[in-house]
Amino acid sequence: MRRNDVLAVANDFYVGSFYTFFAMWRDGGKTMRDSGFVKRELEQFILNGANTHRVLDTARITLVDA
């Protein structure tokens, strides 16, 4: 899906990134002590260009289900 609204895309990316962080945290049984590791893992996940679309798709699914 193509979107021409930069703010909407940035918002979707933020929501998707935050939800992906939450899912990594929850599914991995993480604690506050692990927060830096989860953050770095998320950064590497996002920096892999193939995953950027996955993060945006996660945002769209999360926002629809909310």
PDB file of N, CA and C in Angstrom:
ATOM      1  N   MET A   1       0.850  -1.179   0.000  1.00  0.00           N
ATOM      2  CA  MET A   1       0.000   0.000   0.000  1.00  0.00           C
ATOM      3  C   MET A   1       0.893   1.239   0.000  1.00  0.00           C
ATOM      4  N   ARG A   2       0.598   2.182  -0.846  1.00  0.00           N
ATOM      5  CA  ARG A   2       1.381   3.416  -0.957  1.00  0.00           C
ATOM      6  C   ARG A   2       0.664   4.522  -0.189  1.00  0.00           C
ATOM      7  N   ARG A   3       1.451   5.251   0.624  1.00  0.00           N
ATOM      8  CA  ARG A   3       0.878   6.354   1.403  1.00  0.00           C
ATOM      9  C   ARG A   3       1.686   7.599   1.120  1.00  0.00           C
ATOM     10  N   ASN A   4       0.995   8.711   0.952  1.00  0.00           N
ATOM     11  CA  ASN A   4       1.662   9.975   0.659  1.00  0.00           C
ATOM     12  C   ASN A   4       1.800  10.875   1.876  1.00  0.00           C
ATOM     13  N   ASP A   5       1.352  10.437   3.023  1.00  0.00           N
ATOM     14  CA  ASP A   5       1.389  11.236   4.239  1.00  0.00           C
ATOM     15  C   ASP A   5       2.580  10.795   5.104  1.00  0.00           C
ATOM     16  N   VAL A   6       3.626  11.613   5.130  1.00  0.00           N
ATOM     17  CA  VAL A   6       4.854  11.265   5.849  1.00  0.00           C
ATOM     18  C   VAL A   6       4.578  11.078   7.336  1.00  0.00           C
ATOM     19  N   LEU A   7       3.766  11.921   7.920  1.00  0.00           N
ATOM     20  CA  LEU A   7       3.466  11.819   9.344  1.00  0.00           C
ATOM     21  C   LEU A   7       2.761  10.500   9.658  1.00  0.00           C
ATOM     22  N   ALA A   8       1.841  10.088   8.818  1.00  0.00           N
ATOM     23  CA  ALA A   8       1.129   8.821   9.036  1.00  0.00           C
ATOM     24  C   ALA A   8       2.092   7.636   8.947  1.00  0.00           C
ATOM     25  N   VAL A   9       2.999   7.670   7.992  1.00  0.00           N
ATOM     26  CA  VAL A   9       3.978   6.582   7.852  1.00  0.00           C
ATOM     27  C   VAL A   9       4.919   6.567   9.057  1.00  0.00           C
ATOM     28  N   ALA A  10       5.371   7.738   9.487  1.00  0.00           N
ATOM     29  CA  ALA A  10       6.247   7.817  10.657  1.00  0.00           C
ATOM     30  C   ALA A  10       5.515   7.290  11.895  1.00  0.00           C
ATOM     31  N   ASN A  11       4.251   7.632  12.038  1.00  0.00           N
ATOM     32  CA  ASN A  11       3.450   7.156  13.163  1.00  0.00           C
ATOM     33  C   ASN A  11       3.305   5.632  13.107  1.00  0.00           C
ATOM     34  N   ASP A  12       3.008   5.097  11.933  1.00  0.00           N
ATOM     35  CA  ASP A  12       2.891   3.643  11.783  1.00  0.00           C
ATOM     36  C   ASP A  12       4.208   2.958  12.136  1.00  0.00           C
ATOM     37  N   PHE A  13       5.317   3.542  11.701  1.00  0.00           N
ATOM     38  CA  PHE A  13       6.620   2.957  11.999  1.00  0.00           C
ATOM     39  C   PHE A  13       6.883   2.967  13.500  1.00  0.00           C
ATOM     40  N   TYR A  14       6.541   4.059  14.175  1.00  0.00           N
ATOM     41  CA  TYR A  14       6.721   4.164  15.625  1.00  0.00           C
ATOM     42  C   TYR A  14       5.869   3.119  16.342  1.00  0.00           C
ATOM     43  N   VAL A  15       4.607   3.029  15.975  1.00  0.00           N
ATOM     44  CA  VAL A  15       3.701   2.067  16.614  1.00  0.00           C
ATOM     45  C   VAL A  15       4.185   0.638  16.371  1.00  0.00           C
ATOM     46  N   GLY A  16       4.564   0.347  15.136  1.00  0.00           N
ATOM     47  CA  GLY A  16       5.052  -0.987  14.820  1.00  0.00           C
ATOM     48  C   GLY A  16       6.324  -1.333  15.563  1.00  0.00           C
ATOM     49  N   SER A  17       7.223  -0.360  15.691  1.00  0.00           N
ATOM     50  CA  SER A  17       8.479  -0.585  16.415  1.00  0.00           C
ATOM     51  C   SER A  17       8.208  -0.833  17.887  1.00  0.00           C
ATOM     52  N   PHE A  18       7.334  -0.034  18.465  1.00  0.00           N
ATOM     53  CA  PHE A  18       7.031  -0.197  19.883  1.00  0.00           C
ATOM     54  C   PHE A  18       6.340  -1.533  20.136  1.00  0.00           C
ATOM     55  N   TYR A  19       5.413  -1.925  19.265  1.00  0.00           N
ATOM     56  CA  TYR A  19       4.731  -3.198  19.444  1.00  0.00           C
ATOM     57  C   TYR A  19       5.710  -4.361  19.254  1.00  0.00           C
ATOM     58  N   THR A  20       6.621  -4.256  18.288  1.00  0.00           N
ATOM     59  CA  THR A  20       7.620  -5.297  18.084  1.00  0.00           C
ATOM     60  C   THR A  20       8.510  -5.422  19.311  1.00  0.00           C
ATOM     61  N   PHE A  21       8.894  -4.284  19.911  1.00  0.00           N
ATOM     62  CA  PHE A  21       9.662  -4.285  21.159  1.00  0.00           C
ATOM     63  C   PHE A  21       8.878  -5.006  22.246  1.00  0.00           C
ATOM     64  N   PHE A  22       7.607  -4.677  22.393  1.00  0.00           N
ATOM     65  CA  PHE A  22       6.754  -5.307  23.398  1.00  0.00           C
ATOM     66  C   PHE A  22       6.666  -6.819  23.176  1.00  0.00           C
ATOM     67  N   ALA A  23       6.477  -7.235  21.918  1.00  0.00           N
ATOM     68  CA  ALA A  23       6.352  -8.660  21.617  1.00  0.00           C
ATOM     69  C   ALA A  23       7.651  -9.404  21.936  1.00  0.00           C
ATOM     70  N   MET A  24       8.800  -8.798  21.612  1.00  0.00           N
ATOM     71  CA  MET A  24      10.090  -9.414  21.939  1.00  0.00           C
ATOM     72  C   MET A  24      10.232  -9.557  23.452  1.00  0.00           C
ATOM     73  N   TRP A  25       9.822  -8.538  24.158  1.00  0.00           N
ATOM     74  CA  TRP A  25       9.905  -8.511  25.619  1.00  0.00           C
ATOM     75  C   TRP A  25       9.005  -9.596  26.212  1.00  0.00           C
ATOM     76  N   ARG A  26       7.752  -9.596  25.798  1.00  0.00           N
ATOM     77  CA  ARG A  26       6.759 -10.528  26.333  1.00  0.00           C
ATOM     78  C   ARG A  26       7.108 -11.975  25.987  1.00  0.00           C
ATOM     79  N   ASP A  27       7.373 -12.225  24.731  1.00  0.00           N
ATOM     80  CA  ASP A  27       7.610 -13.595  24.281  1.00  0.00           C
ATOM     81  C   ASP A  27       8.930 -14.156  24.788  1.00  0.00           C
ATOM     82  N   GLY A  28       9.866 -13.280  25.095  1.00  0.00           N
ATOM     83  CA  GLY A  28      11.164 -13.724  25.598  1.00  0.00           C
ATOM     84  C   GLY A  28      11.222 -13.798  27.112  1.00  0.00           C
ATOM     85  N   GLY A  29      10.123 -13.442  27.793  1.00  0.00           N
ATOM     86  CA  GLY A  29      10.111 -13.463  29.249  1.00  0.00           C
ATOM     87  C   GLY A  29      11.154 -12.530  29.845  1.00  0.00           C
ATOM     88  N   LYS A  30      11.312 -11.361  29.253  1.00  0.00           N
ATOM     89  CA  LYS A  30      12.360 -10.417  29.648  1.00  0.00           C
ATOM     90  C   LYS A  30      11.986  -9.650  30.910  1.00  0.00           C
ATOM     91  N   THR A  31      13.013  -9.086  31.554  1.00  0.00           N
ATOM     92  CA  THR A  31      12.850  -8.236  32.727  1.00  0.00           C
ATOM     93  C   THR A  31      13.495  -6.882  32.431  1.00  0.00           C
ATOM     94  N   MET A  32      13.410  -5.969  33.390  1.00  0.00           N
ATOM     95  CA  MET A  32      14.026  -4.648  33.208  1.00  0.00           C
ATOM     96  C   MET A  32      15.529  -4.777  32.956  1.00  0.00           C
ATOM     97  N   ARG A  33      16.144  -5.754  33.537  1.00  0.00           N
ATOM     98  CA  ARG A  33      17.577  -5.969  33.354  1.00  0.00           C
ATOM     99  C   ARG A  33      17.916  -6.244  31.883  1.00  0.00           C
ATOM    100  N   ASP A  34      16.961  -6.798  31.143  1.00  0.00           N
ATOM    101  CA  ASP A  34      17.165  -7.156  29.740  1.00  0.00           C
ATOM    102  C   ASP A  34      16.821  -6.033  28.766  1.00  0.00           C
ATOM    103  N   SER A  35      16.358  -4.896  29.256  1.00  0.00           N
ATOM    104  CA  SER A  35      15.827  -3.867  28.362  1.00  0.00           C
ATOM    105  C   SER A  35      16.846  -3.395  27.324  1.00  0.00           C
ATOM    106  N   GLY A  36      18.087  -3.221  27.705  1.00  0.00           N
ATOM    107  CA  GLY A  36      19.107  -2.788  26.752  1.00  0.00           C
ATOM    108  C   GLY A  36      19.345  -3.819  25.659  1.00  0.00           C
ATOM    109  N   PHE A  37      19.300  -5.096  26.035  1.00  0.00           N
ATOM    110  CA  PHE A  37      19.490  -6.159  25.050  1.00  0.00           C
ATOM    111  C   PHE A  37      18.328  -6.220  24.070  1.00  0.00           C
ATOM    112  N   VAL A  38      17.128  -6.060  24.584  1.00  0.00           N
ATOM    113  CA  VAL A  38      15.941  -6.084  23.720  1.00  0.00           C
ATOM    114  C   VAL A  38      15.975  -4.887  22.771  1.00  0.00           C
ATOM    115  N   LYS A  39      16.372  -3.721  23.277  1.00  0.00           N
ATOM    116  CA  LYS A  39      16.471  -2.524  22.441  1.00  0.00           C
ATOM    117  C   LYS A  39      17.477  -2.730  21.312  1.00  0.00           C
ATOM    118  N   ARG A  40      18.634  -3.279  21.634  1.00  0.00           N
ATOM    119  CA  ARG A  40      19.647  -3.528  20.596  1.00  0.00           C
ATOM    120  C   ARG A  40      19.159  -4.573  19.592  1.00  0.00           C
ATOM    121  N   GLU A  41      18.470  -5.587  20.088  1.00  0.00           N
ATOM    122  CA  GLU A  41      17.927  -6.610  19.184  1.00  0.00           C
ATOM    123  C   GLU A  41      16.903  -5.984  18.235  1.00  0.00           C
ATOM    124  N   LEU A  42      16.062  -5.099  18.757  1.00  0.00           N
ATOM    125  CA  LEU A  42      15.080  -4.408  17.924  1.00  0.00           C
ATOM    126  C   LEU A  42      15.776  -3.512  16.895  1.00  0.00           C
ATOM    127  N   GLU A  43      16.807  -2.800  17.316  1.00  0.00           N
ATOM    128  CA  GLU A  43      17.545  -1.943  16.383  1.00  0.00           C
ATOM    129  C   GLU A  43      18.119  -2.757  15.228  1.00  0.00           C
ATOM    130  N   GLN A  44      18.707  -3.899  15.534  1.00  0.00           N
ATOM    131  CA  GLN A  44      19.258  -4.749  14.479  1.00  0.00           C
ATOM    132  C   GLN A  44      18.153  -5.288  13.582  1.00  0.00           C
ATOM    133  N   PHE A  45      17.016  -5.633  14.169  1.00  0.00           N
ATOM    134  CA  PHE A  45      15.873  -6.118  13.408  1.00  0.00           C
ATOM    135  C   PHE A  45      15.399  -5.054  12.424  1.00  0.00           C
ATOM    136  N   ILE A  46      15.306  -3.809  12.897  1.00  0.00           N
ATOM    137  CA  ILE A  46      14.831  -2.714  12.047  1.00  0.00           C
ATOM    138  C   ILE A  46      15.875  -2.339  10.993  1.00  0.00           C
ATOM    139  N   LEU A  47      17.153  -2.342  11.379  1.00  0.00           N
ATOM    140  CA  LEU A  47      18.199  -1.965  10.438  1.00  0.00           C
ATOM    141  C   LEU A  47      18.334  -2.952   9.284  1.00  0.00           C
ATOM    142  N   ASN A  48      17.841  -4.148   9.464  1.00  0.00           N
ATOM    143  CA  ASN A  48      17.776  -5.104   8.362  1.00  0.00           C
ATOM    144  C   ASN A  48      16.638  -4.625   7.474  1.00  0.00           C
ATOM    145  N   GLY A  49      16.955  -4.052   6.346  1.00  0.00           N
ATOM    146  CA  GLY A  49      15.965  -3.409   5.481  1.00  0.00           C
ATOM    147  C   GLY A  49      14.754  -4.250   5.170  1.00  0.00           C
ATOM    148  N   ALA A  50      14.910  -5.577   5.146  1.00  0.00           N
ATOM    149  CA  ALA A  50      13.781  -6.459   4.841  1.00  0.00           C
ATOM    150  C   ALA A  50      12.718  -6.398   5.925  1.00  0.00           C
ATOM    151  N   ASN A  51      13.096  -6.031   7.145  1.00  0.00           N
ATOM    152  CA  ASN A  51      12.152  -6.028   8.257  1.00  0.00           C
ATOM    153  C   ASN A  51      11.374  -4.733   8.398  1.00  0.00           C
ATOM    154  N   THR A  52      11.769  -3.683   7.702  1.00  0.00           N
ATOM    155  CA  THR A  52      11.067  -2.408   7.808  1.00  0.00           C
ATOM    156  C   THR A  52       9.603  -2.561   7.423  1.00  0.00           C
ATOM    157  N   HIS A  53       9.346  -3.291   6.360  1.00  0.00           N
ATOM    158  CA  HIS A  53       7.959  -3.509   5.941  1.00  0.00           C
ATOM    159  C   HIS A  53       7.204  -4.342   6.964  1.00  0.00           C
ATOM    160  N   ARG A  54       7.896  -5.263   7.620  1.00  0.00           N
ATOM    161  CA  ARG A  54       7.240  -6.074   8.649  1.00  0.00           C
ATOM    162  C   ARG A  54       6.806  -5.209   9.826  1.00  0.00           C
ATOM    163  N   VAL A  55       7.647  -4.244  10.197  1.00  0.00           N
ATOM    164  CA  VAL A  55       7.306  -3.340  11.298  1.00  0.00           C
ATOM    165  C   VAL A  55       6.081  -2.511  10.929  1.00  0.00           C
ATOM    166  N   LEU A  56       6.044  -1.982   9.702  1.00  0.00           N
ATOM    167  CA  LEU A  56       4.886  -1.195   9.265  1.00  0.00           C
ATOM    168  C   LEU A  56       3.628  -2.052   9.188  1.00  0.00           C
ATOM    169  N   ASP A  57       3.748  -3.287   8.726  1.00  0.00           N
ATOM    170  CA  ASP A  57       2.598  -4.188   8.679  1.00  0.00           C
ATOM    171  C   ASP A  57       2.098  -4.496  10.078  1.00  0.00           C
ATOM    172  N   THR A  58       3.020  -4.665  11.020  1.00  0.00           N
ATOM    173  CA  THR A  58       2.643  -4.907  12.413  1.00  0.00           C
ATOM    174  C   THR A  58       1.832  -3.744  12.947  1.00  0.00           C
ATOM    175  N   ALA A  59       2.224  -2.530  12.617  1.00  0.00           N
ATOM    176  CA  ALA A  59       1.493  -1.347  13.072  1.00  0.00           C
ATOM    177  C   ALA A  59       0.083  -1.349  12.519  1.00  0.00           C
ATOM    178  N   ARG A  60      -0.062  -1.642  11.259  1.00  0.00           N
ATOM    179  CA  ARG A  60      -1.401  -1.635  10.641  1.00  0.00           C
ATOM    180  C   ARG A  60      -2.284  -2.696  11.277  1.00  0.00           C
ATOM    181  N   ILE A  61      -1.747  -3.874  11.513  1.00  0.00           N
ATOM    182  CA  ILE A  61      -2.535  -4.945  12.136  1.00  0.00           C
ATOM    183  C   ILE A  61      -2.889  -4.562  13.563  1.00  0.00           C
ATOM    184  N   THR A  62      -1.927  -4.015  14.318  1.00  0.00           N
ATOM    185  CA  THR A  62      -2.154  -3.623  15.705  1.00  0.00           C
ATOM    186  C   THR A  62      -3.201  -2.531  15.800  1.00  0.00           C
ATOM    187  N   LEU A  63      -3.133  -1.536  14.923  1.00  0.00           N
ATOM    188  CA  LEU A  63      -4.084  -0.428  14.984  1.00  0.00           C
ATOM    189  C   LEU A  63      -5.479  -0.874  14.588  1.00  0.00           C
ATOM    190  N   VAL A  64      -5.594  -1.823  13.672  1.00  0.00           N
ATOM    191  CA  VAL A  64      -6.912  -2.322  13.263  1.00  0.00           C
ATOM    192  C   VAL A  64      -7.541  -3.135  14.375  1.00  0.00           C
ATOM    193  N   ASP A  65      -6.728  -3.924  15.074  1.00  0.00           N
ATOM    194  CA  ASP A  65      -7.232  -4.779  16.152  1.00  0.00           C
ATOM    195  C   ASP A  65      -7.570  -4.013  17.416  1.00  0.00           C
ATOM    196  N   ALA A  66      -7.025  -2.802  17.561  1.00  0.00           N
ATOM    197  CA  ALA A  66      -7.220  -2.028  18.803  1.00  0.00           C
ATOM    198  C   ALA A  66      -8.643  -1.541  18.947  1.00  0.00           C
TER     199      ALA A  66
END
